[in-house]
Protein backbone atom coordinates (compact mmCIF):
# COMPACT_ATOMS: atom_id res chain seq x y z
CA MET A 1 -32.44 49.20 24.42
CA ILE A 2 -34.75 47.73 27.03
CA GLY A 3 -37.66 49.80 25.79
CA ALA A 4 -37.05 48.62 22.22
CA THR A 5 -37.36 44.88 23.02
CA GLU A 6 -40.48 44.98 25.22
CA PRO A 7 -43.09 45.14 22.36
CA ARG A 8 -41.61 42.06 20.62
CA ARG A 9 -42.58 39.62 23.42
CA PRO A 10 -46.33 39.53 22.72
CA ARG A 11 -45.67 38.98 19.00
CA ALA A 12 -43.32 36.06 19.74
CA LEU A 13 -45.91 34.50 22.03
CA MET A 14 -48.56 34.96 19.33
CA ARG A 15 -46.39 33.19 16.73
CA LEU A 16 -45.74 30.33 19.16
CA LEU A 17 -49.47 29.97 19.82
CA ILE A 18 -50.22 29.90 16.08
CA ILE A 19 -47.59 27.20 15.52
CA VAL A 20 -49.02 25.07 18.36
CA LEU A 21 -52.55 25.44 16.96
CA ALA A 22 -51.34 24.51 13.47
CA LEU A 23 -49.65 21.39 14.84
CA LEU A 24 -52.81 20.41 16.72
CA ILE A 25 -54.94 20.87 13.62
CA ALA A 26 -52.48 18.85 11.49
CA TRP A 27 -52.42 16.07 14.07
CA TYR A 28 -56.21 16.00 14.13
CA LEU A 29 -56.46 15.81 10.33
CA VAL A 30 -53.86 13.06 10.13
CA THR A 31 -55.67 10.96 12.73
CA LYS A 32 -58.93 11.49 10.85
CA VAL A 33 -57.39 10.39 7.55
CA LEU A 34 -55.84 7.34 9.18
CA SER A 35 -59.19 6.58 10.77
CA LEU A 36 -60.87 6.76 7.38
CA PHE A 37 -58.34 4.33 5.92
CA ASP A 38 -58.81 2.05 8.92
CA TYR A 39 -62.57 1.91 8.59
CA SER A 40 -63.11 2.17 4.87
CA ILE A 41 -60.20 0.21 3.45
CA GLY A 42 -58.48 -1.87 6.05
CA ARG A 43 -61.68 -3.54 7.17
CA LYS A 44 -63.27 -4.28 3.80
CA THR A 45 -63.19 -7.99 2.96
CA ALA A 46 -63.82 -9.93 -0.21
CA THR A 47 -67.00 -11.85 -0.98
CA MET A 48 -66.49 -14.92 -3.16
CA LEU A 49 -68.80 -15.42 -6.17
CA THR A 50 -69.16 -19.07 -7.20
CA VAL A 51 -70.93 -19.93 -10.47
CA ARG A 52 -71.66 -23.64 -10.66
CA SER A 53 -73.65 -23.51 -13.93
CA GLY A 54 -75.13 -21.07 -16.41
CA ASP A 55 -72.22 -18.61 -16.25
CA GLN A 56 -73.54 -16.81 -19.35
CA ASN A 57 -76.63 -15.82 -17.35
CA VAL A 58 -74.73 -14.36 -14.38
CA GLN A 59 -73.60 -10.73 -14.56
CA VAL A 60 -71.64 -8.46 -12.25
CA SER A 61 -71.37 -4.69 -11.92
CA LEU A 62 -68.15 -3.53 -10.27
CA GLN A 63 -68.47 -0.29 -8.31
CA GLY A 64 -71.55 0.78 -10.27
CA GLY A 65 -69.97 0.09 -13.67
CA GLU A 66 -71.47 -1.60 -16.72
CA TRP A 67 -72.92 -5.10 -16.39
CA GLN A 68 -70.57 -7.81 -17.63
CA HIS A 69 -70.45 -11.61 -17.67
CA ALA A 70 -69.23 -13.06 -14.39
CA GLU A 71 -66.45 -15.56 -13.84
CA THR A 72 -66.52 -18.11 -11.06
CA SER A 73 -64.22 -17.51 -8.06
CA LEU A 74 -64.53 -13.75 -8.64
CA ARG A 75 -63.90 -11.66 -5.51
CA LEU A 76 -66.43 -8.88 -4.95
CA TYR A 77 -66.34 -5.93 -2.55
CA SER A 78 -68.68 -3.31 -1.12
CA GLY A 79 -70.38 -1.47 -3.99
CA ASP A 80 -70.31 -4.47 -6.35
CA ALA A 81 -73.54 -6.06 -7.62
CA VAL A 82 -74.55 -9.50 -8.96
CA ALA A 83 -77.59 -10.35 -11.10
CA VAL A 84 -78.94 -13.63 -12.50
CA ARG A 85 -80.67 -13.07 -15.85
CA GLY A 86 -81.84 -16.63 -16.48
CA SER A 87 -81.27 -20.21 -15.41
CA ALA A 88 -78.03 -20.36 -13.41
CA ASP A 89 -76.56 -21.54 -10.12
CA ALA A 90 -74.68 -18.69 -8.43
CA MET A 91 -73.69 -18.27 -4.79
CA LEU A 92 -71.96 -15.63 -2.65
CA THR A 93 -69.77 -16.62 0.30
CA PHE A 94 -68.95 -13.92 2.88
CA PHE A 95 -65.98 -13.62 5.24
CA ASP A 96 -67.80 -15.36 8.12
CA GLY A 97 -68.95 -18.33 6.01
CA THR A 98 -72.43 -16.93 5.32
CA ARG A 99 -73.65 -18.27 1.97
CA VAL A 100 -76.23 -16.58 -0.25
CA ARG A 101 -77.64 -18.43 -3.28
CA LEU A 102 -79.36 -16.38 -5.99
CA ASP A 103 -82.59 -17.42 -7.67
CA GLN A 104 -83.47 -16.63 -11.28
CA ASN A 105 -83.88 -12.88 -11.93
CA ALA A 106 -82.30 -12.00 -8.57
CA ASP A 107 -80.45 -8.67 -8.40
CA THR A 108 -78.27 -7.98 -5.35
CA LYS A 109 -75.76 -5.35 -4.28
CA ILE A 110 -73.11 -5.80 -1.58
CA GLU A 111 -73.45 -2.73 0.63
CA ARG A 112 -70.99 -3.78 3.36
CA SER A 113 -68.61 -6.64 4.06
CA ASP A 114 -66.47 -5.53 7.00
CA SER A 115 -64.59 -7.97 9.20
CA ILE A 116 -63.26 -6.36 12.39
CA GLU A 117 -61.08 -8.46 14.66
CA ARG A 118 -61.95 -6.49 17.81
CA GLY A 119 -65.40 -4.99 17.48
CA THR A 120 -68.58 -5.46 15.50
CA SER A 121 -68.23 -7.01 12.04
CA SER A 122 -71.01 -6.42 9.55
CA LEU A 123 -72.27 -7.64 6.20
CA GLU A 124 -75.14 -5.96 4.39
CA LEU A 125 -76.81 -7.12 1.19
CA ASN A 126 -79.35 -5.11 -0.79
CA LEU A 127 -81.83 -7.42 -2.54
CA ARG A 128 -83.21 -5.23 -5.32
CA ALA A 129 -85.18 -7.93 -7.17
CA GLY A 130 -85.96 -11.65 -7.01
CA ARG A 131 -85.19 -14.08 -4.20
CA ILE A 132 -82.16 -15.42 -2.34
CA TRP A 133 -81.42 -18.33 -0.04
CA ILE A 134 -79.24 -17.46 2.95
CA ALA A 135 -77.41 -19.84 5.29
CA THR A 136 -75.37 -18.48 8.19
CA PRO A 137 -72.84 -20.41 10.31
CA SER A 138 -73.40 -21.30 13.96
CA ILE A 139 -72.36 -19.03 16.81
CA LEU A 140 -69.61 -21.48 17.80
CA THR A 141 -67.69 -20.92 14.58
CA ASN A 142 -67.33 -17.16 15.03
CA SER A 143 -65.75 -14.90 17.63
CA GLY A 144 -66.92 -11.33 18.19
CA VAL A 145 -70.19 -9.78 17.07
CA ILE A 146 -71.43 -10.05 13.47
CA VAL A 147 -74.42 -8.05 12.23
CA ARG A 148 -75.96 -9.49 9.07
CA THR A 149 -78.59 -7.44 7.26
CA ILE A 150 -80.71 -8.07 4.17
CA ILE A 151 -82.35 -4.93 2.76
CA THR A 152 -85.36 -5.07 0.41
CA LYS A 153 -87.72 -2.40 -0.87
CA ASN A 154 -90.17 -3.06 1.99
CA ALA A 155 -88.04 -4.12 4.96
CA SER A 156 -84.67 -4.50 6.62
CA THR A 157 -84.00 -7.93 8.15
CA GLN A 158 -81.41 -8.84 10.77
CA ILE A 159 -80.14 -12.40 10.23
CA PRO A 160 -78.97 -14.37 13.29
CA ALA A 161 -76.57 -17.31 13.39
CA SER A 162 -77.61 -20.82 12.30
CA THR A 163 -80.16 -19.41 9.84
CA GLN A 164 -81.52 -21.16 6.80
CA ALA A 165 -84.10 -18.98 5.08
CA MET A 166 -85.49 -17.87 1.73
CA ILE A 167 -85.92 -14.10 1.40
CA GLY A 168 -87.58 -12.19 -1.41
CA THR A 169 -88.79 -8.67 -2.02
CA SER A 170 -92.28 -9.67 -0.87
CA MET A 171 -91.77 -12.68 1.44
CA ILE A 172 -89.58 -14.30 4.09
CA THR A 173 -89.59 -18.06 4.74
CA VAL A 174 -87.54 -19.32 7.71
CA LEU A 175 -86.63 -22.99 8.03
CA LYS A 176 -84.10 -22.53 10.82
CA ALA A 177 -82.73 -19.68 12.96
CA ALA A 178 -80.96 -19.24 16.31
CA GLY A 179 -82.72 -17.51 19.18
CA GLU A 180 -86.10 -15.94 18.51
CA GLY A 181 -85.54 -15.74 14.77
CA LEU A 182 -85.20 -13.02 12.13
CA ASP A 183 -85.90 -9.43 13.23
CA VAL A 184 -87.73 -7.65 10.39
CA SER A 185 -88.07 -3.86 10.47
CA ILE A 186 -90.95 -2.67 8.27
CA ASP A 187 -90.19 0.35 6.10
CA GLY A 188 -92.55 3.30 6.40
CA ALA A 189 -93.99 2.12 9.73
CA GLU A 190 -92.56 3.85 12.79
CA ASN A 191 -91.23 1.42 15.43
CA GLU A 192 -92.88 -1.48 13.60
CA HIS A 193 -90.98 -4.73 13.44
CA VAL A 194 -91.85 -8.41 13.56
CA ILE A 195 -89.90 -11.52 14.63
CA VAL A 196 -90.08 -14.44 12.15
CA GLY A 197 -89.01 -17.66 13.85
CA GLU A 198 -88.32 -21.21 12.71
CA GLY A 199 -91.07 -22.72 10.58
CA GLN A 200 -92.73 -19.36 9.94
CA TYR A 201 -93.58 -17.31 6.86
CA LEU A 202 -94.10 -13.56 6.50
CA ARG A 203 -95.91 -11.86 3.61
CA LEU A 204 -94.65 -8.43 2.55
CA THR A 205 -96.72 -7.74 -0.56
CA GLU A 206 -97.92 -4.29 -1.57
CA GLU A 207 -101.32 -5.04 -0.02
CA THR A 208 -99.59 -6.08 3.21
CA MET A 209 -97.56 -2.87 3.31
CA GLN A 210 -100.65 -0.76 2.76
CA ALA A 211 -102.46 -2.58 5.55
CA ILE A 212 -99.53 -2.13 7.98
CA ALA A 213 -99.31 1.56 7.08
CA ALA A 214 -103.02 1.82 7.88
CA GLY A 215 -102.44 0.38 11.35
CA THR A 216 -102.74 -3.41 10.95
CA ASP A 217 -100.46 -5.40 13.25
CA PRO A 218 -97.56 -6.89 11.17
CA TYR A 219 -97.89 -10.15 13.09
CA ASP A 220 -101.25 -10.66 11.36
CA PHE A 221 -99.28 -11.48 8.21
CA ARG A 222 -97.03 -14.08 9.84
CA ASP A 223 -98.15 -17.70 9.28
CA PRO A 224 -96.76 -21.23 9.66
CA ILE A 225 -94.93 -22.70 6.66
CA THR A 226 -97.19 -24.97 4.62
CA GLN A 227 -96.22 -28.29 3.05
CA GLN A 228 -96.71 -26.71 -0.37
CA MET A 229 -94.01 -24.12 0.43
CA LEU A 230 -91.58 -26.88 1.37
CA LYS A 231 -91.94 -28.27 -2.17
CA GLU A 232 -90.62 -25.04 -3.68
CA LEU A 233 -87.87 -26.12 -6.12
CA PHE A 234 -85.48 -23.26 -5.30
CA LEU A 235 -85.91 -23.94 -1.58
CA THR A 236 -85.30 -27.69 -1.81
CA GLU A 237 -82.32 -27.28 -4.17
CA SER A 238 -80.72 -24.63 -1.95
CA TYR A 239 -81.24 -26.68 1.20
CA ALA A 240 -79.58 -29.72 -0.42
CA LEU A 241 -76.72 -27.64 -1.83
CA LEU A 242 -75.60 -26.49 1.62
CA SER A 243 -74.06 -29.86 2.35
CA LEU A 244 -71.73 -29.36 -0.62
CA ALA A 245 -70.59 -25.85 0.28
CA PRO A 246 -67.27 -25.19 2.06
CA ALA A 247 -67.32 -25.23 5.83
CA PRO A 248 -67.30 -21.74 7.40
CA ILE A 249 -64.06 -20.04 8.39
CA THR A 250 -63.46 -19.52 12.08
CA GLY A 251 -63.60 -15.99 13.39
CA SER A 252 -60.01 -16.09 14.59
CA GLY A 253 -58.86 -17.53 11.29
CA THR A 254 -56.42 -19.91 12.97
CA ALA A 255 -58.34 -23.12 13.60
CA VAL A 256 -57.04 -26.14 11.72
CA SER A 257 -58.52 -29.62 11.97
CA ASP A 258 -56.46 -32.05 14.02
CA GLU A 259 -56.37 -34.53 11.12
CA MET A 260 -54.29 -32.07 9.04
CA ASN A 261 -51.42 -32.02 11.58
CA GLY A 262 -51.22 -28.26 11.50
CA THR A 263 -51.20 -27.97 7.66
CA ASP A 264 -53.82 -26.44 5.37
CA LEU A 265 -53.38 -28.67 2.30
CA SER A 266 -52.68 -32.35 1.79
CA VAL A 267 -52.45 -33.89 -1.71
CA ILE A 268 -53.12 -37.63 -1.88
CA LYS A 269 -53.08 -38.15 -5.67
CA PRO A 270 -51.05 -38.05 -7.80
CA GLU A 271 -47.73 -38.87 -6.23
CA ASN A 272 -44.81 -36.75 -7.33
CA ASN A 273 -43.03 -38.06 -10.46
CA ALA A 274 -45.91 -40.45 -11.14
CA ARG A 275 -46.21 -41.99 -14.62
CA ILE A 276 -49.77 -41.71 -15.95
CA VAL A 277 -50.93 -44.20 -18.57
CA THR A 278 -54.58 -43.06 -18.72
CA LYS A 279 -56.13 -40.12 -20.59
CA THR A 280 -56.81 -38.18 -17.37
CA VAL A 281 -55.07 -37.79 -14.02
CA THR A 282 -56.96 -37.72 -10.71
CA VAL A 283 -55.99 -34.92 -8.33
CA SER A 284 -57.35 -35.44 -4.81
CA GLY A 285 -56.61 -34.36 -1.27
CA LYS A 286 -57.91 -32.65 1.85
CA VAL A 287 -57.82 -29.14 3.31
CA SER A 288 -58.22 -27.51 6.72
CA ASN A 289 -61.28 -25.51 7.74
CA ARG A 290 -59.40 -22.28 7.01
CA VAL A 291 -59.54 -23.00 3.28
CA ALA A 292 -62.33 -21.52 1.16
CA LEU A 293 -61.06 -22.34 -2.33
CA VAL A 294 -58.88 -25.01 -3.95
CA LEU A 295 -57.29 -24.36 -7.34
CA VAL A 296 -55.68 -26.97 -9.59
CA ASP A 297 -53.67 -25.25 -12.30
CA GLY A 298 -55.86 -22.18 -11.80
CA GLN A 299 -59.13 -24.12 -12.06
CA SER A 300 -61.38 -24.06 -8.99
CA VAL A 301 -62.58 -27.46 -7.75
CA PRO A 302 -65.50 -28.18 -5.40
CA LEU A 303 -64.95 -29.05 -1.75
CA ASN A 304 -66.91 -31.89 -0.19
CA LYS A 305 -68.55 -31.69 3.23
CA ASP A 306 -65.65 -33.58 4.83
CA ARG A 307 -63.18 -31.01 3.38
CA THR A 308 -61.88 -33.40 0.70
CA PHE A 309 -61.63 -32.70 -3.02
CA SER A 310 -61.15 -34.77 -6.14
CA VAL A 311 -61.04 -33.79 -9.82
CA ASP A 312 -59.98 -35.49 -13.05
CA MET A 313 -57.70 -33.33 -15.20
CA SER A 314 -57.26 -34.04 -18.92
CA LEU A 315 -53.71 -34.72 -20.01
CA GLY A 316 -52.21 -32.61 -22.75
CA LYS A 317 -49.75 -33.86 -25.30
CA GLU A 318 -46.68 -32.79 -23.35
CA GLU A 319 -44.53 -35.63 -22.07
CA THR A 320 -44.02 -33.92 -18.70
CA MET A 321 -46.61 -31.87 -16.80
CA ASN A 322 -46.36 -29.76 -13.65
CA LEU A 323 -49.54 -29.53 -11.58
CA ARG A 324 -49.93 -26.75 -9.02
CA ILE A 325 -52.51 -27.22 -6.25
CA GLU A 326 -53.33 -24.12 -4.17
CA ALA A 327 -55.42 -23.61 -1.04
CA GLN A 328 -56.76 -20.08 -0.52
CA ASP A 329 -58.73 -18.37 2.23
CA MET A 330 -61.73 -16.09 1.72
CA GLN A 331 -59.53 -13.11 0.93
CA GLY A 332 -57.77 -14.95 -1.88
CA ILE A 333 -54.59 -15.34 0.13
CA THR A 334 -52.72 -18.55 -0.63
CA LEU A 335 -52.39 -20.51 2.60
CA ASP A 336 -50.48 -23.41 1.09
CA SER A 337 -49.46 -24.77 -2.33
CA ILE A 338 -48.09 -28.08 -3.54
CA GLU A 339 -46.62 -28.99 -6.94
CA ARG A 340 -46.68 -32.39 -8.56
CA THR A 341 -44.62 -33.43 -11.60
CA ILE A 342 -46.09 -36.25 -13.70
CA THR A 343 -44.95 -38.06 -16.83
CA ASN A 344 -47.53 -38.55 -19.56
CA ASP A 345 -47.22 -42.17 -20.71
CA TYR A 346 -50.71 -42.30 -22.24
CA LYS A 347 -50.52 -44.05 -25.60
CA PRO A 348 -53.90 -44.06 -27.35
CA LEU A 349 -54.55 -47.20 -29.38
CA VAL A 350 -55.87 -46.37 -32.84
CA ASP A 351 -56.50 -49.38 -35.04
CA PRO A 352 -54.93 -49.16 -38.53
CA VAL A 353 -56.84 -49.45 -41.80
CA ARG A 354 -57.13 -52.62 -43.84
CA PHE A 355 -56.62 -52.51 -47.62
CA LYS A 356 -59.22 -54.35 -49.71
CA SER A 357 -58.06 -53.56 -53.23
CA PRO A 358 -56.10 -53.60 -55.44
CA VAL A 359 -53.76 -55.48 -53.05
CA ALA A 360 -53.47 -56.08 -49.31
CA SER A 361 -51.18 -54.10 -46.99
CA GLY A 362 -47.54 -54.38 -48.06
CA GLY A 363 -48.48 -55.69 -51.51
CA THR A 364 -47.34 -54.44 -54.91
CA LEU A 365 -49.37 -54.08 -58.11
CA ASN A 366 -47.71 -53.86 -61.53
CA THR A 367 -50.18 -52.31 -63.97
CA SER A 368 -50.63 -50.39 -67.20
CA LEU A 369 -54.10 -49.13 -66.19
CA LYS A 370 -54.19 -45.34 -65.97
CA GLU A 371 -56.71 -45.37 -63.11
CA ILE A 372 -56.68 -47.64 -60.06
CA GLU A 373 -59.23 -47.46 -57.26
CA ILE A 374 -57.69 -48.10 -53.85
CA THR A 375 -60.22 -49.21 -51.24
CA GLY A 376 -60.15 -50.37 -47.64
CA GLU A 377 -61.94 -50.78 -44.35
CA ALA A 378 -62.00 -48.07 -41.67
CA PRO A 379 -61.70 -49.04 -37.98
CA THR A 380 -64.23 -48.01 -35.35
CA GLY A 381 -63.58 -44.51 -34.04
CA ALA A 382 -61.89 -43.24 -37.20
CA ALA A 383 -62.43 -39.48 -37.53
CA ALA A 384 -60.35 -39.08 -40.68
CA ILE A 385 -58.39 -41.16 -43.20
CA MET A 386 -55.08 -39.75 -44.44
CA MET A 387 -53.56 -40.89 -47.75
CA ASN A 388 -49.97 -39.65 -48.17
CA ASP A 389 -50.88 -36.82 -45.73
CA TYR A 390 -53.92 -35.91 -47.84
CA LYS A 391 -57.24 -36.06 -45.97
CA LEU A 392 -59.86 -38.06 -47.86
CA GLN A 393 -62.64 -35.50 -48.32
CA LEU A 394 -65.45 -37.97 -48.96
CA PHE A 395 -64.77 -40.07 -45.86
CA LYS A 396 -67.16 -39.32 -43.01
CA PRO A 397 -66.68 -40.37 -39.34
CA GLY A 398 -68.59 -43.59 -38.78
CA SER A 399 -68.09 -44.88 -42.33
CA LYS A 400 -66.89 -48.47 -42.52
CA THR A 401 -65.09 -48.17 -45.85
CA TRP A 402 -62.95 -45.67 -47.74
CA SER A 403 -61.66 -45.26 -51.26
CA TYR A 404 -59.08 -43.27 -53.21
CA LEU A 405 -58.57 -42.91 -56.96
CA ALA A 406 -54.99 -43.15 -58.19
CA SER A 407 -54.92 -41.68 -61.68
CA THR A 408 -52.39 -40.41 -64.18
CA ALA A 409 -54.90 -37.73 -65.18
CA LEU A 410 -55.10 -36.50 -61.57
CA GLY A 411 -51.33 -36.51 -61.25
CA ASN A 412 -51.26 -38.79 -58.18
CA MET A 413 -49.92 -41.76 -60.16
CA ILE A 414 -46.87 -41.49 -62.40
CA GLU A 415 -44.85 -43.94 -64.42
CA GLY A 416 -42.70 -46.03 -62.15
CA LYS A 417 -43.06 -46.83 -58.49
CA ASN A 418 -45.92 -45.17 -56.51
CA VAL A 419 -46.20 -45.76 -52.74
CA TYR A 420 -49.56 -45.08 -51.09
CA THR A 421 -49.41 -44.83 -47.28
CA VAL A 422 -52.60 -44.62 -45.25
CA TYR A 423 -53.15 -43.90 -41.55
CA VAL A 424 -56.14 -43.13 -39.32
CA LEU A 425 -56.79 -40.09 -37.09
CA ASP A 426 -59.15 -40.39 -34.12
CA ALA A 427 -61.23 -37.53 -32.68
CA ASP A 428 -58.28 -36.35 -30.55
CA GLY A 429 -55.87 -36.27 -33.47
CA ASN A 430 -54.02 -39.46 -32.48
CA ARG A 431 -52.51 -41.46 -35.36
CA SER A 432 -52.65 -45.15 -36.10
CA GLN A 433 -49.71 -47.13 -37.40
CA PRO A 434 -49.38 -46.51 -41.17
CA ARG A 435 -50.09 -49.13 -43.81
CA SER A 436 -48.77 -48.98 -47.39
CA ILE A 437 -49.14 -50.54 -50.80
CA THR A 438 -47.09 -50.00 -53.97
CA ILE A 439 -48.36 -49.49 -57.51
CA SER A 440 -45.77 -49.75 -60.27
CA PHE A 441 -47.26 -48.14 -63.34
CA SER A 442 -46.05 -48.65 -66.90
CA PHE A 443 -47.78 -47.45 -70.06
CA THR A 444 -46.92 -50.76 -71.77
CA GLY A 445 -46.30 -53.29 -69.01
CA PRO A 446 -48.69 -56.14 -68.08
CA ALA A 447 -50.79 -56.06 -64.91
CA THR A 448 -49.37 -58.29 -62.16
CA SER A 449 -49.36 -58.14 -58.37
CA THR A 450 -47.59 -59.52 -55.31
CA GLY A 451 -49.25 -60.26 -51.99
CA SER A 452 -52.91 -61.13 -51.50
CA ILE A 453 -55.42 -59.38 -53.77
CA GLU A 454 -59.16 -59.05 -53.82
CA PRO A 455 -60.98 -60.87 -56.66
CA PRO A 456 -60.76 -58.68 -59.80
CA LEU A 457 -63.82 -56.77 -60.91
CA LYS A 458 -65.49 -58.51 -63.85
CA GLN A 459 -66.23 -56.78 -67.15
CA ASN A 460 -69.28 -58.79 -68.11
CA THR A 461 -72.36 -57.79 -70.04
CA PRO A 462 -74.83 -56.13 -67.61
CA LEU A 463 -76.98 -58.76 -65.92
CA MET A 464 -79.84 -56.39 -65.03
CA PRO A 465 -79.92 -53.62 -67.66
CA GLY A 466 -82.29 -50.77 -66.85
CA SER A 467 -82.08 -51.31 -63.09
CA LEU A 468 -79.79 -48.28 -62.57
CA LEU A 469 -81.60 -44.93 -62.74
CA VAL A 470 -80.87 -41.26 -61.96
CA GLN A 471 -83.64 -39.30 -60.19
CA THR A 472 -81.87 -36.02 -59.39
CA PRO A 473 -80.86 -33.42 -60.47
CA ALA A 474 -83.07 -34.52 -63.39
CA VAL A 475 -84.51 -37.84 -64.53
CA GLY A 476 -82.81 -39.24 -67.58
CA THR A 477 -79.22 -39.09 -68.78
CA GLU A 478 -78.37 -35.37 -69.01
CA THR A 479 -78.92 -32.02 -67.29
CA THR A 480 -77.55 -28.45 -67.30
CA THR A 481 -76.80 -26.43 -64.17
CA ASP A 482 -75.12 -23.24 -62.95
CA GLN A 483 -74.61 -24.59 -59.42
CA LYS A 484 -71.08 -25.37 -58.18
CA GLU A 485 -72.31 -28.45 -56.30
CA VAL A 486 -74.91 -30.95 -57.45
CA ILE A 487 -76.27 -34.03 -55.67
CA LEU A 488 -76.39 -36.90 -58.11
CA ALA A 489 -78.86 -39.46 -56.73
CA GLY A 490 -80.82 -42.42 -58.03
CA THR A 491 -82.03 -45.98 -57.56
CA THR A 492 -80.63 -49.46 -58.17
CA ALA A 493 -81.63 -53.10 -57.81
CA PRO A 494 -81.79 -54.83 -54.36
CA GLU A 495 -79.09 -57.25 -55.60
CA THR A 496 -76.57 -54.40 -55.75
CA TYR A 497 -73.44 -54.85 -53.61
CA SER A 498 -71.53 -51.76 -54.71
CA VAL A 499 -71.96 -48.63 -56.84
CA SER A 500 -69.03 -46.84 -58.47
CA ILE A 501 -68.86 -43.56 -60.41
CA ASN A 502 -65.91 -42.98 -62.72
CA GLY A 503 -64.02 -45.74 -60.91
CA TYR A 504 -64.75 -44.40 -57.39
CA THR A 505 -66.72 -46.81 -55.18
CA LEU A 506 -69.32 -44.97 -53.13
CA SER A 507 -68.12 -45.42 -49.54
CA LEU A 508 -71.49 -44.58 -47.95
CA TYR A 509 -73.46 -47.05 -50.04
CA LEU A 510 -74.54 -50.17 -48.14
CA PRO A 511 -75.08 -53.52 -49.92
CA GLY A 512 -78.76 -54.18 -50.69
CA LYS A 513 -79.76 -50.53 -50.47
CA THR A 514 -81.91 -49.45 -53.41
CA THR A 515 -80.87 -45.77 -53.37
CA TRP A 516 -77.49 -44.10 -53.86
CA ASN A 517 -76.05 -40.58 -54.08
CA TYR A 518 -72.86 -38.79 -55.12
CA ILE A 519 -71.60 -35.20 -54.81
CA ALA A 520 -70.51 -33.53 -58.03
CA SER A 521 -68.63 -30.45 -56.88
CA THR A 522 -66.09 -27.99 -58.23
CA ASP A 523 -64.54 -27.70 -54.74
CA LEU A 524 -64.07 -31.47 -54.58
CA THR A 525 -62.75 -31.49 -58.18
CA THR A 526 -65.50 -33.94 -59.14
CA MET A 527 -67.04 -31.43 -61.55
CA LYS A 528 -65.49 -28.90 -63.92
CA ARG A 529 -66.75 -26.18 -66.23
CA GLY A 530 -68.41 -27.58 -69.35
CA ARG A 531 -69.40 -31.16 -70.05
CA ASN A 532 -69.01 -33.77 -67.26
CA VAL A 533 -69.74 -37.43 -67.99
CA TYR A 534 -70.31 -39.73 -65.01
CA ARG A 535 -70.09 -43.49 -65.71
CA ILE A 536 -72.18 -45.22 -63.05
CA VAL A 537 -71.70 -48.96 -62.51
CA SER A 538 -73.61 -51.25 -60.15
CA ARG A 539 -72.18 -54.66 -59.22
CA ASN A 540 -73.29 -57.70 -57.23
CA LYS A 541 -71.36 -59.42 -54.43
CA ASP A 542 -69.37 -61.47 -56.98
CA GLY A 543 -68.07 -58.32 -58.67
CA GLU A 544 -70.30 -58.83 -61.72
CA ILE A 545 -71.81 -55.81 -63.46
CA LEU A 546 -75.55 -55.47 -62.94
CA ASP A 547 -76.01 -52.28 -64.94
CA VAL A 548 -74.09 -49.38 -66.49
CA LEU A 549 -75.39 -45.86 -67.02
CA GLU A 550 -73.70 -42.70 -68.25
CA TYR A 551 -75.09 -39.39 -67.00
CA THR A 552 -73.95 -35.98 -68.26
CA ILE A 553 -73.93 -32.70 -66.31
CA ASN A 554 -73.28 -29.54 -68.31
CA PHE A 555 -71.88 -26.99 -65.86
CA ARG A 556 -72.37 -23.44 -67.15
CA PRO A 557 -71.91 -20.88 -64.34
């Protein structure tokens, strides 16, 4: 029995050794995978894209995907790219508060944006075309080491703290920089680099690169900034814009200004349960220096240099509104939020219309006439005139008068009592108080009225025969057309106060004007298939007829 068990010991030891090795290998692989997650995912931070204007000209490519239109407050990560295709104002804000503004035709790719609490943080931007403006925060606002790199086709530039510089694919202009300045490593030249300090300019054109490759000292291409360079529009705009950008976030991410009493968001206006009687409501407040973005109902608002914000929000038509104000950090994490409930007491004042004929507002006309023209004055700001909920098609915004034809033939006047109610709509759709008149029509009854009435139109013999003429669509008294809409236009005497066609007073005609026009249209029901007779009457200020002309349009489609 002893001899039978002896050979099994080496095999058992071998199995044990294999198991131990397998465990060691598994442990090693697990630590490697966790390390990869730690370095490639856990440390990646968002870069905020802000588009102040020209959003249609700003495009983004996410992780090498197709170019698409950008939206402001979009968070970008390593591998994402931004391009400006025309006139626009776009800026990137990194985790440390570094701001990069893109010029027209700039094309950039975020290579790295890694914030490491204990170690070396890094951000790397590949400038593939155009120019950028870069502004980095001071050393005092960051803890730890941050390596900032701008890569172009000709060089790789290390950006120190407190930098304000304009960098392009063929130039570097430095207005301000901490320490010695920007450290530029020249591509294709072994151990060649040049320091560009405050007030200096470096050329990196193709000719410069060829000269450096041939042995020329790179410092030969470094020169002082000229006054002409300081007049560069992109430079001056970018420099001025810095004062409007959010203050940088502290490296520890915990600093809060003393004025905020340990909070990140304070809303000053509006007060909760406020009653708003204006068309807009002002939302204002202040945030701590941890805040990178303020949202009011999902809409980003600009931060001032002193960390305050203020924006006017349009009121809807709801009686009660809930406003949500959010303060977010660079990673899009909401640090604080406040809600305000307001009551919309805004009552727009829209002036009502004034009836001119046949009676004043509230009046009644008893008549046997089969057609009655109702006219009135339109208040300033009228966008539309509604008659019994029908929009007057011939009324145009800005017109001072309006008219409506009540007719038994049109079916909008019947025997008996007819009430005509008119109200005004402004550009926002707000209604005026309605005004009404009543027309009692009888086929046999006499014409009487109650309430004030405009002087009746006179039916005299024309005082100025021949003064009323038609010029288009054809001179004379008749024409034939296959068009569904025809402009009927002509001339009249300077003494003319009004022009009417088939009982409709032209609302756009102004007294004393010697020209007039009218739209004959199938869509407007002012022209039908076959023969159409238009009786044109011009009158003076006393309502007397100056001239009468009948014009015929034969519509044959």
